[in-house]
Protein backbone atom coordinates (compact mmCIF):
# COMPACT_ATOMS: atom_id res chain seq x y z
CA MET A 1 1.86 -2.61 10.41
CA ILE A 2 1.22 -2.96 6.70
CA SER A 3 -1.85 -1.60 4.90
CA THR A 4 -2.56 -2.14 1.20
CA ALA A 5 -5.08 -0.65 -1.22
CA ARG A 6 -5.73 -1.03 -4.93
CA ALA A 7 -7.00 1.65 -7.31
CA GLU A 8 -8.38 0.12 -10.50
CA THR A 9 -7.51 2.53 -13.31
CA ALA A 10 -5.77 2.67 -16.66
CA ASN A 11 -3.88 5.71 -15.31
CA GLY A 12 -2.02 4.02 -12.46
CA ARG A 13 1.42 4.88 -13.80
CA ARG A 14 0.52 8.54 -14.24
CA TYR A 15 -0.89 8.84 -10.70
CA MET A 16 2.13 7.04 -9.23
CA ILE A 17 4.52 9.48 -10.91
CA GLN A 18 2.41 12.48 -9.85
CA LEU A 19 2.40 11.33 -6.21
CA CYS A 20 6.16 10.75 -6.25
CA LYS A 21 6.93 14.11 -7.86
CA HIS A 22 4.53 15.93 -5.53
CA TRP A 23 6.08 14.49 -2.37
CA GLY A 24 9.59 14.59 -3.82
CA HIS A 25 9.88 18.23 -2.80
CA LYS A 26 9.66 17.27 0.90
CA PHE A 27 10.60 13.60 1.27
CA GLU A 28 13.00 11.03 -0.10
CA VAL A 29 11.42 9.54 -3.23
CA ALA A 30 12.42 7.00 -5.87
CA PHE A 31 10.45 5.83 -8.90
CA ASP A 32 10.68 4.27 -12.33
CA ASP A 33 8.03 3.26 -14.88
CA THR A 34 6.28 0.73 -12.65
CA ASN A 35 7.38 1.19 -9.03
CA GLY A 36 7.79 4.01 -6.58
CA SER A 37 8.65 4.61 -2.95
CA ILE A 38 8.11 7.61 -0.70
CA ALA A 39 9.62 7.97 2.77
CA LEU A 40 6.75 9.74 4.54
CA PRO A 41 7.24 11.00 8.12
CA ALA A 42 4.92 8.36 9.64
CA GLY A 43 6.13 5.47 7.47
CA ALA A 44 6.99 4.22 4.01
CA LEU A 45 4.67 4.22 1.01
CA THR A 46 5.43 1.89 -1.90
CA LEU A 47 3.54 2.04 -5.18
CA ALA A 48 3.26 -0.48 -8.01
CA ALA A 49 1.59 0.50 -11.28
CA ASP A 50 0.43 -1.87 -14.00
CA GLU A 51 -1.95 -1.78 -16.97
CA THR A 52 -5.05 -2.10 -14.78
CA GLY A 53 -4.27 -0.04 -11.71
CA LEU A 54 -2.12 1.14 -8.86
CA THR A 55 -1.32 -0.80 -5.71
CA LEU A 56 -0.38 1.27 -2.67
CA THR A 57 1.31 -0.23 0.39
CA LEU A 58 1.89 1.66 3.63
CA ASP A 59 4.30 0.44 6.29
CA ALA A 60 3.71 2.51 9.43
CA SER A 61 3.15 2.34 13.15
CA PRO A 62 -0.40 1.46 14.25
CA GLU A 63 -1.02 5.02 15.41
CA GLY A 64 0.27 6.50 12.14
CA LEU A 65 -1.57 4.13 9.83
CA ASP A 66 -5.06 5.67 10.14
CA ARG A 67 -3.73 9.13 9.40
CA MET A 68 -1.49 8.03 6.54
CA GLU A 69 -4.26 6.03 4.83
CA GLY A 70 -6.34 9.21 4.78
CA VAL A 71 -3.49 11.42 3.59
CA VAL A 72 -2.54 9.07 0.74
CA THR A 73 -6.19 8.64 -0.33
CA GLU A 74 -6.75 12.41 -0.27
CA HIS A 75 -3.66 13.12 -2.37
CA LEU A 76 -4.44 10.38 -4.90
CA ASN A 77 -7.98 11.73 -5.29
CA ARG A 78 -6.62 15.23 -5.93
CA PHE A 79 -4.69 13.92 -8.91
CA ALA A 80 -7.50 11.58 -10.01
CA PHE A 81 -10.34 14.08 -9.63
CA ARG A 82 -12.05 12.74 -12.77
CA GLU A 83 -12.17 9.24 -11.30
CA PRO A 84 -12.03 9.57 -7.50
CA PHE A 85 -11.25 6.42 -5.55
CA ASP A 86 -12.84 5.11 -2.39
CA LEU A 87 -9.83 3.04 -1.42
CA ALA A 88 -10.45 -0.01 0.74
CA TRP A 89 -7.29 -0.34 2.83
CA SER A 90 -6.53 -3.85 4.09
CA ARG A 91 -4.21 -4.30 7.07
CA SER A 92 -1.94 -7.18 7.89
């Protein structure tokens, strides 16, 4: 299953890089100035940053998706504590 969320922020690039570096100590990670990917245990997280925000896409099993949405949201909000996000994940 695929689940996508969007965080509207001028700091999308910064948060993307922070997430990738944070999880890079445990998981396979790749990133550049606008895109990132993290191979999490329950599935893959891809990130796309632009001038107005950060798009997060999870590809995980149905049973892993609930947990991973929460984990990703929690970690993003740790880095974005000045502008916490209530991410609305949309599944397809």
